[in-house]
Amino acid sequence: MTRLLTRITLLLLAATLSVAAAFGQAADRKDIRHDRRDLRHDRADRRQDRRDINKDRRELRHDLKHGDKAAAHKEMRDIRADKRDLRHDRRDLRHDRRDIRHDRRDVRKDHRQLRHKV
């Protein structure tokens, strides 16, 4: 009788762990989708920042050519701010790629664990 209860308990425990691992795997996949979305947004932000930098550089050249030092100073500040944003976006891209890599590793690990338990 105790052997039967022990076997039933172990079977239920294994089933519970399998279900928990499946939920964990689903959460990792959802996290990968979110990280990919973040990558797309960060890439779009970088493109926009580059466009802004190019526009500000054109305006800076124009202001310097026409001797408008106040406007040139403003354009230089804008360029610095856009470059700072570009660095932040680059860092965000690096972190999102790392997160995706780690989430994929977790999915593979969970999949191997599920395959070995069954």
PDB file of N, CA and C in Angstrom:
ATOM      1  N   MET A   1       0.819  -1.186   0.000  1.00  0.00           N
ATOM      2  CA  MET A   1       0.000   0.000   0.000  1.00  0.00           C
ATOM      3  C   MET A   1       0.871   1.261   0.000  1.00  0.00           C
ATOM      4  N   THR A   2       1.939   1.259   0.821  1.00  0.00           N
ATOM      5  CA  THR A   2       2.802   2.439   0.863  1.00  0.00           C
ATOM      6  C   THR A   2       3.577   2.584  -0.444  1.00  0.00           C
ATOM      7  N   ARG A   3       3.917   1.451  -1.089  1.00  0.00           N
ATOM      8  CA  ARG A   3       4.594   1.516  -2.381  1.00  0.00           C
ATOM      9  C   ARG A   3       3.693   2.161  -3.428  1.00  0.00           C
ATOM     10  N   LEU A   4       2.438   1.796  -3.384  1.00  0.00           N
ATOM     11  CA  LEU A   4       1.486   2.359  -4.335  1.00  0.00           C
ATOM     12  C   LEU A   4       1.334   3.860  -4.117  1.00  0.00           C
ATOM     13  N   LEU A   5       1.230   4.273  -2.858  1.00  0.00           N
ATOM     14  CA  LEU A   5       1.125   5.707  -2.571  1.00  0.00           C
ATOM     15  C   LEU A   5       2.400   6.450  -2.976  1.00  0.00           C
ATOM     16  N   THR A   6       3.534   5.826  -2.748  1.00  0.00           N
ATOM     17  CA  THR A   6       4.794   6.433  -3.135  1.00  0.00           C
ATOM     18  C   THR A   6       4.867   6.603  -4.647  1.00  0.00           C
ATOM     19  N   ARG A   7       4.476   5.574  -5.393  1.00  0.00           N
ATOM     20  CA  ARG A   7       4.488   5.651  -6.855  1.00  0.00           C
ATOM     21  C   ARG A   7       3.522   6.715  -7.366  1.00  0.00           C
ATOM     22  N   ILE A   8       2.350   6.769  -6.780  1.00  0.00           N
ATOM     23  CA  ILE A   8       1.366   7.783  -7.190  1.00  0.00           C
ATOM     24  C   ILE A   8       1.894   9.181  -6.893  1.00  0.00           C
ATOM     25  N   THR A   9       2.498   9.328  -5.733  1.00  0.00           N
ATOM     26  CA  THR A   9       3.059  10.628  -5.362  1.00  0.00           C
ATOM     27  C   THR A   9       4.173  11.039  -6.326  1.00  0.00           C
ATOM     28  N   LEU A  10       5.057  10.118  -6.648  1.00  0.00           N
ATOM     29  CA  LEU A  10       6.138  10.410  -7.592  1.00  0.00           C
ATOM     30  C   LEU A  10       5.607  10.730  -8.985  1.00  0.00           C
ATOM     31  N   LEU A  11       4.576   9.999  -9.388  1.00  0.00           N
ATOM     32  CA  LEU A  11       3.963  10.251 -10.692  1.00  0.00           C
ATOM     33  C   LEU A  11       3.340  11.647 -10.732  1.00  0.00           C
ATOM     34  N   LEU A  12       2.632  12.005  -9.675  1.00  0.00           N
ATOM     35  CA  LEU A  12       2.027  13.340  -9.611  1.00  0.00           C
ATOM     36  C   LEU A  12       3.099  14.426  -9.563  1.00  0.00           C
ATOM     37  N   LEU A  13       4.164  14.178  -8.833  1.00  0.00           N
ATOM     38  CA  LEU A  13       5.259  15.136  -8.764  1.00  0.00           C
ATOM     39  C   LEU A  13       5.905  15.323 -10.134  1.00  0.00           C
ATOM     40  N   ALA A  14       6.125  14.225 -10.842  1.00  0.00           N
ATOM     41  CA  ALA A  14       6.719  14.316 -12.187  1.00  0.00           C
ATOM     42  C   ALA A  14       5.791  15.074 -13.138  1.00  0.00           C
ATOM     43  N   ALA A  15       4.505  14.802 -13.055  1.00  0.00           N
ATOM     44  CA  ALA A  15       3.542  15.508 -13.906  1.00  0.00           C
ATOM     45  C   ALA A  15       3.526  17.005 -13.580  1.00  0.00           C
ATOM     46  N   THR A  16       3.558  17.323 -12.304  1.00  0.00           N
ATOM     47  CA  THR A  16       3.557  18.729 -11.888  1.00  0.00           C
ATOM     48  C   THR A  16       4.809  19.441 -12.386  1.00  0.00           C
ATOM     49  N   LEU A  17       5.958  18.794 -12.272  1.00  0.00           N
ATOM     50  CA  LEU A  17       7.201  19.391 -12.742  1.00  0.00           C
ATOM     51  C   LEU A  17       7.192  19.574 -14.256  1.00  0.00           C
ATOM     52  N   SER A  18       6.619  18.617 -14.966  1.00  0.00           N
ATOM     53  CA  SER A  18       6.532  18.738 -16.422  1.00  0.00           C
ATOM     54  C   SER A  18       5.655  19.912 -16.823  1.00  0.00           C
ATOM     55  N   VAL A  19       4.527  20.060 -16.150  1.00  0.00           N
ATOM     56  CA  VAL A  19       3.631  21.169 -16.445  1.00  0.00           C
ATOM     57  C   VAL A  19       4.298  22.501 -16.099  1.00  0.00           C
ATOM     58  N   ALA A  20       4.987  22.535 -14.973  1.00  0.00           N
ATOM     59  CA  ALA A  20       5.672  23.768 -14.570  1.00  0.00           C
ATOM     60  C   ALA A  20       6.762  24.127 -15.574  1.00  0.00           C
ATOM     61  N   ALA A  21       7.492  23.131 -16.063  1.00  0.00           N
ATOM     62  CA  ALA A  21       8.535  23.386 -17.056  1.00  0.00           C
ATOM     63  C   ALA A  21       7.920  23.876 -18.363  1.00  0.00           C
ATOM     64  N   ALA A  22       6.773  23.313 -18.733  1.00  0.00           N
ATOM     65  CA  ALA A  22       6.098  23.756 -19.957  1.00  0.00           C
ATOM     66  C   ALA A  22       5.661  25.219 -19.834  1.00  0.00           C
ATOM     67  N   PHE A  23       5.131  25.595 -18.670  1.00  0.00           N
ATOM     68  CA  PHE A  23       4.753  26.995 -18.451  1.00  0.00           C
ATOM     69  C   PHE A  23       5.977  27.903 -18.471  1.00  0.00           C
ATOM     70  N   GLY A  24       7.064  27.436 -17.902  1.00  0.00           N
ATOM     71  CA  GLY A  24       8.304  28.212 -17.925  1.00  0.00           C
ATOM     72  C   GLY A  24       8.812  28.400 -19.343  1.00  0.00           C
ATOM     73  N   GLN A  25       8.704  27.348 -20.143  1.00  0.00           N
ATOM     74  CA  GLN A  25       9.130  27.432 -21.538  1.00  0.00           C
ATOM     75  C   GLN A  25       8.253  28.416 -22.308  1.00  0.00           C
ATOM     76  N   ALA A  26       6.957  28.398 -22.049  1.00  0.00           N
ATOM     77  CA  ALA A  26       6.047  29.336 -22.711  1.00  0.00           C
ATOM     78  C   ALA A  26       6.385  30.772 -22.307  1.00  0.00           C
ATOM     79  N   ALA A  27       6.718  30.971 -21.055  1.00  0.00           N
ATOM     80  CA  ALA A  27       7.076  32.313 -20.593  1.00  0.00           C
ATOM     81  C   ALA A  27       8.370  32.788 -21.257  1.00  0.00           C
ATOM     82  N   ASP A  28       9.340  31.867 -21.412  1.00  0.00           N
ATOM     83  CA  ASP A  28      10.588  32.230 -22.085  1.00  0.00           C
ATOM     84  C   ASP A  28      10.333  32.608 -23.539  1.00  0.00           C
ATOM     85  N   ARG A  29       9.455  31.865 -24.210  1.00  0.00           N
ATOM     86  CA  ARG A  29       9.145  32.176 -25.613  1.00  0.00           C
ATOM     87  C   ARG A  29       8.448  33.526 -25.728  1.00  0.00           C
ATOM     88  N   LYS A  30       7.569  33.808 -24.782  1.00  0.00           N
ATOM     89  CA  LYS A  30       6.894  35.110 -24.784  1.00  0.00           C
ATOM     90  C   LYS A  30       7.912  36.220 -24.560  1.00  0.00           C
ATOM     91  N   ASP A  31       8.859  35.973 -23.667  1.00  0.00           N
ATOM     92  CA  ASP A  31       9.902  36.958 -23.400  1.00  0.00           C
ATOM     93  C   ASP A  31      10.758  37.179 -24.647  1.00  0.00           C
ATOM     94  N   ILE A  32      11.034  36.123 -25.411  1.00  0.00           N
ATOM     95  CA  ILE A  32      11.791  36.259 -26.650  1.00  0.00           C
ATOM     96  C   ILE A  32      11.035  37.149 -27.625  1.00  0.00           C
ATOM     97  N   ARG A  33       9.718  36.958 -27.725  1.00  0.00           N
ATOM     98  CA  ARG A  33       8.923  37.809 -28.623  1.00  0.00           C
ATOM     99  C   ARG A  33       9.001  39.264 -28.200  1.00  0.00           C
ATOM    100  N   HIS A  34       8.926  39.524 -26.912  1.00  0.00           N
ATOM    101  CA  HIS A  34       9.014  40.900 -26.418  1.00  0.00           C
ATOM    102  C   HIS A  34      10.402  41.496 -26.700  1.00  0.00           C
ATOM    103  N   ASP A  35      11.443  40.690 -26.508  1.00  0.00           N
ATOM    104  CA  ASP A  35      12.798  41.181 -26.780  1.00  0.00           C
ATOM    105  C   ASP A  35      12.989  41.473 -28.266  1.00  0.00           C
ATOM    106  N   ARG A  36      12.405  40.640 -29.126  1.00  0.00           N
ATOM    107  CA  ARG A  36      12.496  40.908 -30.571  1.00  0.00           C
ATOM    108  C   ARG A  36      11.775  42.198 -30.930  1.00  0.00           C
ATOM    109  N   ARG A  37      10.628  42.428 -30.301  1.00  0.00           N
ATOM    110  CA  ARG A  37       9.904  43.676 -30.541  1.00  0.00           C
ATOM    111  C   ARG A  37      10.753  44.864 -30.086  1.00  0.00           C
ATOM    112  N   ASP A  38      11.399  44.726 -28.937  1.00  0.00           N
ATOM    113  CA  ASP A  38      12.285  45.781 -28.449  1.00  0.00           C
ATOM    114  C   ASP A  38      13.442  46.026 -29.425  1.00  0.00           C
ATOM    115  N   LEU A  39      13.977  44.934 -30.014  1.00  0.00           N
ATOM    116  CA  LEU A  39      15.042  45.083 -30.999  1.00  0.00           C
ATOM    117  C   LEU A  39      14.565  45.907 -32.193  1.00  0.00           C
ATOM    118  N   ARG A  40      13.380  45.598 -32.693  1.00  0.00           N
ATOM    119  CA  ARG A  40      12.849  46.346 -33.837  1.00  0.00           C
ATOM    120  C   ARG A  40      12.690  47.823 -33.496  1.00  0.00           C
ATOM    121  N   HIS A  41      12.168  48.097 -32.307  1.00  0.00           N
ATOM    122  CA  HIS A  41      11.975  49.496 -31.902  1.00  0.00           C
ATOM    123  C   HIS A  41      13.305  50.219 -31.723  1.00  0.00           C
ATOM    124  N   ASP A  42      14.291  49.529 -31.125  1.00  0.00           N
ATOM    125  CA  ASP A  42      15.605  50.149 -30.936  1.00  0.00           C
ATOM    126  C   ASP A  42      16.278  50.428 -32.275  1.00  0.00           C
ATOM    127  N   ARG A  43      16.115  49.511 -33.233  1.00  0.00           N
ATOM    128  CA  ARG A  43      16.687  49.744 -34.569  1.00  0.00           C
ATOM    129  C   ARG A  43      16.020  50.942 -35.233  1.00  0.00           C
ATOM    130  N   ALA A  44      14.704  51.042 -35.097  1.00  0.00           N
ATOM    131  CA  ALA A  44      13.995  52.194 -35.664  1.00  0.00           C
ATOM    132  C   ALA A  44      14.454  53.494 -34.985  1.00  0.00           C
ATOM    133  N   ASP A  45      14.654  53.443 -33.674  1.00  0.00           N
ATOM    134  CA  ASP A  45      15.148  54.625 -32.952  1.00  0.00           C
ATOM    135  C   ASP A  45      16.534  55.029 -33.453  1.00  0.00           C
ATOM    136  N   ARG A  46      17.385  54.039 -33.701  1.00  0.00           N
ATOM    137  CA  ARG A  46      18.728  54.346 -34.201  1.00  0.00           C
ATOM    138  C   ARG A  46      18.665  54.992 -35.576  1.00  0.00           C
ATOM    139  N   ARG A  47      17.804  54.455 -36.439  1.00  0.00           N
ATOM    140  CA  ARG A  47      17.663  55.059 -37.773  1.00  0.00           C
ATOM    141  C   ARG A  47      17.210  56.515 -37.654  1.00  0.00           C
ATOM    142  N   GLN A  48      16.241  56.744 -36.784  1.00  0.00           N
ATOM    143  CA  GLN A  48      15.739  58.105 -36.601  1.00  0.00           C
ATOM    144  C   GLN A  48      16.818  59.018 -36.027  1.00  0.00           C
ATOM    145  N   ASP A  49      17.593  58.519 -35.073  1.00  0.00           N
ATOM    146  CA  ASP A  49      18.673  59.324 -34.488  1.00  0.00           C
ATOM    147  C   ASP A  49      19.725  59.673 -35.549  1.00  0.00           C
ATOM    148  N   ARG A  50      20.048  58.708 -36.421  1.00  0.00           N
ATOM    149  CA  ARG A  50      21.013  58.997 -37.492  1.00  0.00           C
ATOM    150  C   ARG A  50      20.475  60.055 -38.448  1.00  0.00           C
ATOM    151  N   ARG A  51      19.189  59.954 -38.778  1.00  0.00           N
ATOM    152  CA  ARG A  51      18.580  60.971 -39.646  1.00  0.00           C
ATOM    153  C   ARG A  51      18.646  62.340 -38.974  1.00  0.00           C
ATOM    154  N   ASP A  52      18.354  62.371 -37.675  1.00  0.00           N
ATOM    155  CA  ASP A  52      18.406  63.642 -36.939  1.00  0.00           C
ATOM    156  C   ASP A  52      19.822  64.218 -36.929  1.00  0.00           C
ATOM    157  N   ILE A  53      20.811  63.361 -36.732  1.00  0.00           N
ATOM    158  CA  ILE A  53      22.198  63.820 -36.718  1.00  0.00           C
ATOM    159  C   ILE A  53      22.566  64.407 -38.076  1.00  0.00           C
ATOM    160  N   ASN A  54      22.201  63.708 -39.142  1.00  0.00           N
ATOM    161  CA  ASN A  54      22.518  64.210 -40.479  1.00  0.00           C
ATOM    162  C   ASN A  54      21.831  65.549 -40.753  1.00  0.00           C
ATOM    163  N   LYS A  55      20.571  65.659 -40.341  1.00  0.00           N
ATOM    164  CA  LYS A  55      19.832  66.911 -40.526  1.00  0.00           C
ATOM    165  C   LYS A  55      20.486  68.037 -39.728  1.00  0.00           C
ATOM    166  N   ASP A  56      20.851  67.748 -38.476  1.00  0.00           N
ATOM    167  CA  ASP A  56      21.482  68.763 -37.633  1.00  0.00           C
ATOM    168  C   ASP A  56      22.850  69.172 -38.192  1.00  0.00           C
ATOM    169  N   ARG A  57      23.585  68.228 -38.765  1.00  0.00           N
ATOM    170  CA  ARG A  57      24.883  68.568 -39.360  1.00  0.00           C
ATOM    171  C   ARG A  57      24.711  69.495 -40.570  1.00  0.00           C
ATOM    172  N   ARG A  58      23.697  69.209 -41.392  1.00  0.00           N
ATOM    173  CA  ARG A  58      23.420  70.104 -42.527  1.00  0.00           C
ATOM    174  C   ARG A  58      23.088  71.509 -42.038  1.00  0.00           C
ATOM    175  N   GLU A  59      22.228  71.560 -41.003  1.00  0.00           N
ATOM    176  CA  GLU A  59      21.855  72.867 -40.459  1.00  0.00           C
ATOM    177  C   GLU A  59      23.058  73.564 -39.816  1.00  0.00           C
ATOM    178  N   LEU A  60      23.936  72.794 -39.172  1.00  0.00           N
ATOM    179  CA  LEU A  60      25.139  73.358 -38.579  1.00  0.00           C
ATOM    180  C   LEU A  60      26.031  73.980 -39.656  1.00  0.00           C
ATOM    181  N   ARG A  61      26.244  73.246 -40.756  1.00  0.00           N
ATOM    182  CA  ARG A  61      27.052  73.792 -41.851  1.00  0.00           C
ATOM    183  C   ARG A  61      26.443  75.082 -42.393  1.00  0.00           C
ATOM    184  N   HIS A  62      25.113  75.061 -42.533  1.00  0.00           N
ATOM    185  CA  HIS A  62      24.418  76.259 -43.035  1.00  0.00           C
ATOM    186  C   HIS A  62      24.610  77.437 -42.071  1.00  0.00           C
ATOM    187  N   ASP A  63      24.443  77.165 -40.772  1.00  0.00           N
ATOM    188  CA  ASP A  63      24.573  78.237 -39.773  1.00  0.00           C
ATOM    189  C   ASP A  63      25.995  78.785 -39.727  1.00  0.00           C
ATOM    190  N   LEU A  64      26.998  77.901 -39.822  1.00  0.00           N
ATOM    191  CA  LEU A  64      28.389  78.350 -39.806  1.00  0.00           C
ATOM    192  C   LEU A  64      28.715  79.151 -41.064  1.00  0.00           C
ATOM    193  N   LYS A  65      28.163  78.699 -42.177  1.00  0.00           N
ATOM    194  CA  LYS A  65      28.409  79.393 -43.444  1.00  0.00           C
ATOM    195  C   LYS A  65      27.853  80.816 -43.410  1.00  0.00           C
ATOM    196  N   HIS A  66      26.696  80.984 -42.737  1.00  0.00           N
ATOM    197  CA  HIS A  66      26.054  82.293 -42.677  1.00  0.00           C
ATOM    198  C   HIS A  66      26.405  83.075 -41.406  1.00  0.00           C
ATOM    199  N   GLY A  67      27.291  82.553 -40.593  1.00  0.00           N
ATOM    200  CA  GLY A  67      27.786  83.278 -39.432  1.00  0.00           C
ATOM    201  C   GLY A  67      26.831  83.352 -38.249  1.00  0.00           C
ATOM    202  N   ASP A  68      25.856  82.449 -38.169  1.00  0.00           N
ATOM    203  CA  ASP A  68      24.885  82.444 -37.063  1.00  0.00           C
ATOM    204  C   ASP A  68      25.422  81.531 -35.951  1.00  0.00           C
ATOM    205  N   LYS A  69      26.217  82.125 -35.069  1.00  0.00           N
ATOM    206  CA  LYS A  69      26.885  81.326 -34.030  1.00  0.00           C
ATOM    207  C   LYS A  69      25.914  80.749 -33.001  1.00  0.00           C
ATOM    208  N   ALA A  70      24.869  81.479 -32.652  1.00  0.00           N
ATOM    209  CA  ALA A  70      23.897  80.983 -31.660  1.00  0.00           C
ATOM    210  C   ALA A  70      23.174  79.752 -32.194  1.00  0.00           C
ATOM    211  N   ALA A  71      22.762  79.812 -33.452  1.00  0.00           N
ATOM    212  CA  ALA A  71      22.082  78.659 -34.057  1.00  0.00           C
ATOM    213  C   ALA A  71      23.053  77.493 -34.215  1.00  0.00           C
ATOM    214  N   ALA A  72      24.301  77.780 -34.552  1.00  0.00           N
ATOM    215  CA  ALA A  72      25.313  76.722 -34.686  1.00  0.00           C
ATOM    216  C   ALA A  72      25.535  76.029 -33.341  1.00  0.00           C
ATOM    217  N   HIS A  73      25.580  76.819 -32.281  1.00  0.00           N
ATOM    218  CA  HIS A  73      25.759  76.248 -30.943  1.00  0.00           C
ATOM    219  C   HIS A  73      24.571  75.335 -30.594  1.00  0.00           C
ATOM    220  N   LYS A  74      23.377  75.771 -30.933  1.00  0.00           N
ATOM    221  CA  LYS A  74      22.181  74.952 -30.676  1.00  0.00           C
ATOM    222  C   LYS A  74      22.243  73.640 -31.458  1.00  0.00           C
ATOM    223  N   GLU A  75      22.681  73.708 -32.714  1.00  0.00           N
ATOM    224  CA  GLU A  75      22.786  72.492 -33.532  1.00  0.00           C
ATOM    225  C   GLU A  75      23.831  71.534 -32.967  1.00  0.00           C
ATOM    226  N   MET A  76      24.925  72.085 -32.448  1.00  0.00           N
ATOM    227  CA  MET A  76      25.952  71.222 -31.844  1.00  0.00           C
ATOM    228  C   MET A  76      25.402  70.513 -30.609  1.00  0.00           C
ATOM    229  N   ARG A  77      24.599  71.232 -29.823  1.00  0.00           N
ATOM    230  CA  ARG A  77      23.965  70.580 -28.660  1.00  0.00           C
ATOM    231  C   ARG A  77      23.007  69.490 -29.105  1.00  0.00           C
ATOM    232  N   ASP A  78      22.243  69.763 -30.168  1.00  0.00           N
ATOM    233  CA  ASP A  78      21.323  68.748 -30.688  1.00  0.00           C
ATOM    234  C   ASP A  78      22.078  67.513 -31.179  1.00  0.00           C
ATOM    235  N   ILE A  79      23.196  67.745 -31.853  1.00  0.00           N
ATOM    236  CA  ILE A  79      23.995  66.617 -32.343  1.00  0.00           C
ATOM    237  C   ILE A  79      24.522  65.794 -31.174  1.00  0.00           C
ATOM    238  N   ARG A  80      25.009  66.463 -30.143  1.00  0.00           N
ATOM    239  CA  ARG A  80      25.493  65.728 -28.955  1.00  0.00           C
ATOM    240  C   ARG A  80      24.374  64.906 -28.317  1.00  0.00           C
ATOM    241  N   ALA A  81      23.192  65.501 -28.213  1.00  0.00           N
ATOM    242  CA  ALA A  81      22.059  64.781 -27.614  1.00  0.00           C
ATOM    243  C   ALA A  81      21.670  63.572 -28.472  1.00  0.00           C
ATOM    244  N   ASP A  82      21.656  63.748 -29.799  1.00  0.00           N
ATOM    245  CA  ASP A  82      21.312  62.632 -30.686  1.00  0.00           C
ATOM    246  C   ASP A  82      22.360  61.527 -30.628  1.00  0.00           C
ATOM    247  N   LYS A  83      23.627  61.906 -30.515  1.00  0.00           N
ATOM    248  CA  LYS A  83      24.686  60.899 -30.393  1.00  0.00           C
ATOM    249  C   LYS A  83      24.555  60.139 -29.071  1.00  0.00           C
ATOM    250  N   ARG A  84      24.188  60.857 -28.027  1.00  0.00           N
ATOM    251  CA  ARG A  84      23.966  60.202 -26.743  1.00  0.00           C
ATOM    252  C   ARG A  84      22.807  59.198 -26.861  1.00  0.00           C
ATOM    253  N   ASP A  85      21.730  59.602 -27.522  1.00  0.00           N
ATOM    254  CA  ASP A  85      20.609  58.690 -27.738  1.00  0.00           C
ATOM    255  C   ASP A  85      21.041  57.479 -28.560  1.00  0.00           C
ATOM    256  N   LEU A  86      21.888  57.720 -29.538  1.00  0.00           N
ATOM    257  CA  LEU A  86      22.386  56.629 -30.373  1.00  0.00           C
ATOM    258  C   LEU A  86      23.181  55.623 -29.539  1.00  0.00           C
ATOM    259  N   ARG A  87      24.010  56.118 -28.631  1.00  0.00           N
ATOM    260  CA  ARG A  87      24.763  55.215 -27.739  1.00  0.00           C
ATOM    261  C   ARG A  87      23.824  54.420 -26.837  1.00  0.00           C
ATOM    262  N   HIS A  88      22.792  55.070 -26.328  1.00  0.00           N
ATOM    263  CA  HIS A  88      21.832  54.372 -25.467  1.00  0.00           C
ATOM    264  C   HIS A  88      21.096  53.291 -26.262  1.00  0.00           C
ATOM    265  N   ASP A  89      20.723  53.608 -27.492  1.00  0.00           N
ATOM    266  CA  ASP A  89      20.044  52.614 -28.322  1.00  0.00           C
ATOM    267  C   ASP A  89      20.964  51.441 -28.627  1.00  0.00           C
ATOM    268  N   ARG A  90      22.247  51.722 -28.865  1.00  0.00           N
ATOM    269  CA  ARG A  90      23.208  50.651 -29.128  1.00  0.00           C
ATOM    270  C   ARG A  90      23.325  49.735 -27.907  1.00  0.00           C
ATOM    271  N   ARG A  91      23.358  50.349 -26.725  1.00  0.00           N
ATOM    272  CA  ARG A  91      23.433  49.549 -25.495  1.00  0.00           C
ATOM    273  C   ARG A  91      22.158  48.718 -25.325  1.00  0.00           C
ATOM    274  N   ASP A  92      20.996  49.319 -25.611  1.00  0.00           N
ATOM    275  CA  ASP A  92      19.744  48.584 -25.502  1.00  0.00           C
ATOM    276  C   ASP A  92      19.705  47.408 -26.471  1.00  0.00           C
ATOM    277  N   LEU A  93      20.206  47.612 -27.680  1.00  0.00           N
ATOM    278  CA  LEU A  93      20.266  46.517 -28.653  1.00  0.00           C
ATOM    279  C   LEU A  93      21.140  45.386 -28.136  1.00  0.00           C
ATOM    280  N   ARG A  94      22.283  45.737 -27.581  1.00  0.00           N
ATOM    281  CA  ARG A  94      23.195  44.716 -27.048  1.00  0.00           C
ATOM    282  C   ARG A  94      22.526  43.935 -25.919  1.00  0.00           C
ATOM    283  N   HIS A  95      21.816  44.636 -25.046  1.00  0.00           N
ATOM    284  CA  HIS A  95      21.147  43.961 -23.936  1.00  0.00           C
ATOM    285  C   HIS A  95      19.996  43.086 -24.436  1.00  0.00           C
ATOM    286  N   ASP A  96      19.244  43.570 -25.419  1.00  0.00           N
ATOM    287  CA  ASP A  96      18.142  42.765 -25.957  1.00  0.00           C
ATOM    288  C   ASP A  96      18.663  41.508 -26.637  1.00  0.00           C
ATOM    289  N   ARG A  97      19.762  41.634 -27.376  1.00  0.00           N
ATOM    290  CA  ARG A  97      20.357  40.441 -28.010  1.00  0.00           C
ATOM    291  C   ARG A  97      20.811  39.441 -26.957  1.00  0.00           C
ATOM    292  N   ARG A  98      21.416  39.958 -25.882  1.00  0.00           N
ATOM    293  CA  ARG A  98      21.865  39.072 -24.804  1.00  0.00           C
ATOM    294  C   ARG A  98      20.669  38.375 -24.158  1.00  0.00           C
ATOM    295  N   ASP A  99      19.589  39.125 -23.918  1.00  0.00           N
ATOM    296  CA  ASP A  99      18.393  38.541 -23.317  1.00  0.00           C
ATOM    297  C   ASP A  99      17.806  37.451 -24.209  1.00  0.00           C
ATOM    298  N   ILE A 100      17.770  37.696 -25.508  1.00  0.00           N
ATOM    299  CA  ILE A 100      17.251  36.684 -26.433  1.00  0.00           C
ATOM    300  C   ILE A 100      18.123  35.441 -26.381  1.00  0.00           C
ATOM    301  N   ARG A 101      19.436  35.640 -26.394  1.00  0.00           N
ATOM    302  CA  ARG A 101      20.358  34.503 -26.337  1.00  0.00           C
ATOM    303  C   ARG A 101      20.137  33.686 -25.063  1.00  0.00           C
ATOM    304  N   HIS A 102      19.982  34.363 -23.939  1.00  0.00           N
ATOM    305  CA  HIS A 102      19.766  33.652 -22.675  1.00  0.00           C
ATOM    306  C   HIS A 102      18.401  32.960 -22.655  1.00  0.00           C
ATOM    307  N   ASP A 103      17.370  33.610 -23.180  1.00  0.00           N
ATOM    308  CA  ASP A 103      16.041  32.994 -23.214  1.00  0.00           C
ATOM    309  C   ASP A 103      16.024  31.761 -24.113  1.00  0.00           C
ATOM    310  N   ARG A 104      16.710  31.841 -25.251  1.00  0.00           N
ATOM    311  CA  ARG A 104      16.794  30.666 -26.134  1.00  0.00           C
ATOM    312  C   ARG A 104      17.504  29.515 -25.435  1.00  0.00           C
ATOM    313  N   ARG A 105      18.572  29.860 -24.707  1.00  0.00           N
ATOM    314  CA  ARG A 105      19.297  28.823 -23.964  1.00  0.00           C
ATOM    315  C   ARG A 105      18.376  28.172 -22.933  1.00  0.00           C
ATOM    316  N   ASP A 106      17.573  28.988 -22.249  1.00  0.00           N
ATOM    317  CA  ASP A 106      16.642  28.451 -21.262  1.00  0.00           C
ATOM    318  C   ASP A 106      15.590  27.567 -21.904  1.00  0.00           C
ATOM    319  N   VAL A 107      15.103  27.956 -23.080  1.00  0.00           N
ATOM    320  CA  VAL A 107      14.102  27.143 -23.780  1.00  0.00           C
ATOM    321  C   VAL A 107      14.709  25.794 -24.150  1.00  0.00           C
ATOM    322  N   ARG A 108      15.928  25.812 -24.695  1.00  0.00           N
ATOM    323  CA  ARG A 108      16.586  24.537 -25.054  1.00  0.00           C
ATOM    324  C   ARG A 108      16.802  23.671 -23.820  1.00  0.00           C
ATOM    325  N   LYS A 109      17.214  24.306 -22.734  1.00  0.00           N
ATOM    326  CA  LYS A 109      17.453  23.559 -21.492  1.00  0.00           C
ATOM    327  C   LYS A 109      16.151  22.934 -20.989  1.00  0.00           C
ATOM    328  N   ASP A 110      15.064  23.733 -20.986  1.00  0.00           N
ATOM    329  CA  ASP A 110      13.770  23.199 -20.546  1.00  0.00           C
ATOM    330  C   ASP A 110      13.297  22.078 -21.451  1.00  0.00           C
ATOM    331  N   HIS A 111      13.523  22.238 -22.755  1.00  0.00           N
ATOM    332  CA  HIS A 111      13.095  21.206 -23.699  1.00  0.00           C
ATOM    333  C   HIS A 111      13.848  19.898 -23.463  1.00  0.00           C
ATOM    334  N   ARG A 112      15.158  20.008 -23.224  1.00  0.00           N
ATOM    335  CA  ARG A 112      15.941  18.799 -22.936  1.00  0.00           C
ATOM    336  C   ARG A 112      15.468  18.135 -21.646  1.00  0.00           C
ATOM    337  N   GLN A 113      15.155  18.937 -20.635  1.00  0.00           N
ATOM    338  CA  GLN A 113      14.689  18.374 -19.365  1.00  0.00           C
ATOM    339  C   GLN A 113      13.355  17.668 -19.552  1.00  0.00           C
ATOM    340  N   LEU A 114      12.466  18.266 -20.319  1.00  0.00           N
ATOM    341  CA  LEU A 114      11.163  17.630 -20.556  1.00  0.00           C
ATOM    342  C   LEU A 114      11.339  16.329 -21.327  1.00  0.00           C
ATOM    343  N   ARG A 115      12.229  16.341 -22.315  1.00  0.00           N
ATOM    344  CA  ARG A 115      12.434  15.147 -23.146  1.00  0.00           C
ATOM    345  C   ARG A 115      12.998  14.003 -22.316  1.00  0.00           C
ATOM    346  N   HIS A 116      13.872  14.316 -21.364  1.00  0.00           N
ATOM    347  CA  HIS A 116      14.480  13.263 -20.544  1.00  0.00           C
ATOM    348  C   HIS A 116      13.537  12.739 -19.468  1.00  0.00           C
ATOM    349  N   LYS A 117      12.599  13.550 -19.039  1.00  0.00           N
ATOM    350  CA  LYS A 117      11.660  13.116 -17.990  1.00  0.00           C
ATOM    351  C   LYS A 117      10.601  12.195 -18.542  1.00  0.00           C
ATOM    352  N   VAL A 118      10.240  12.398 -19.787  1.00  0.00           N
ATOM    353  CA  VAL A 118       9.135  11.609 -20.362  1.00  0.00           C
ATOM    354  C   VAL A 118       9.621  10.324 -20.890  1.00  0.00           C
TER     355      VAL A 118
END
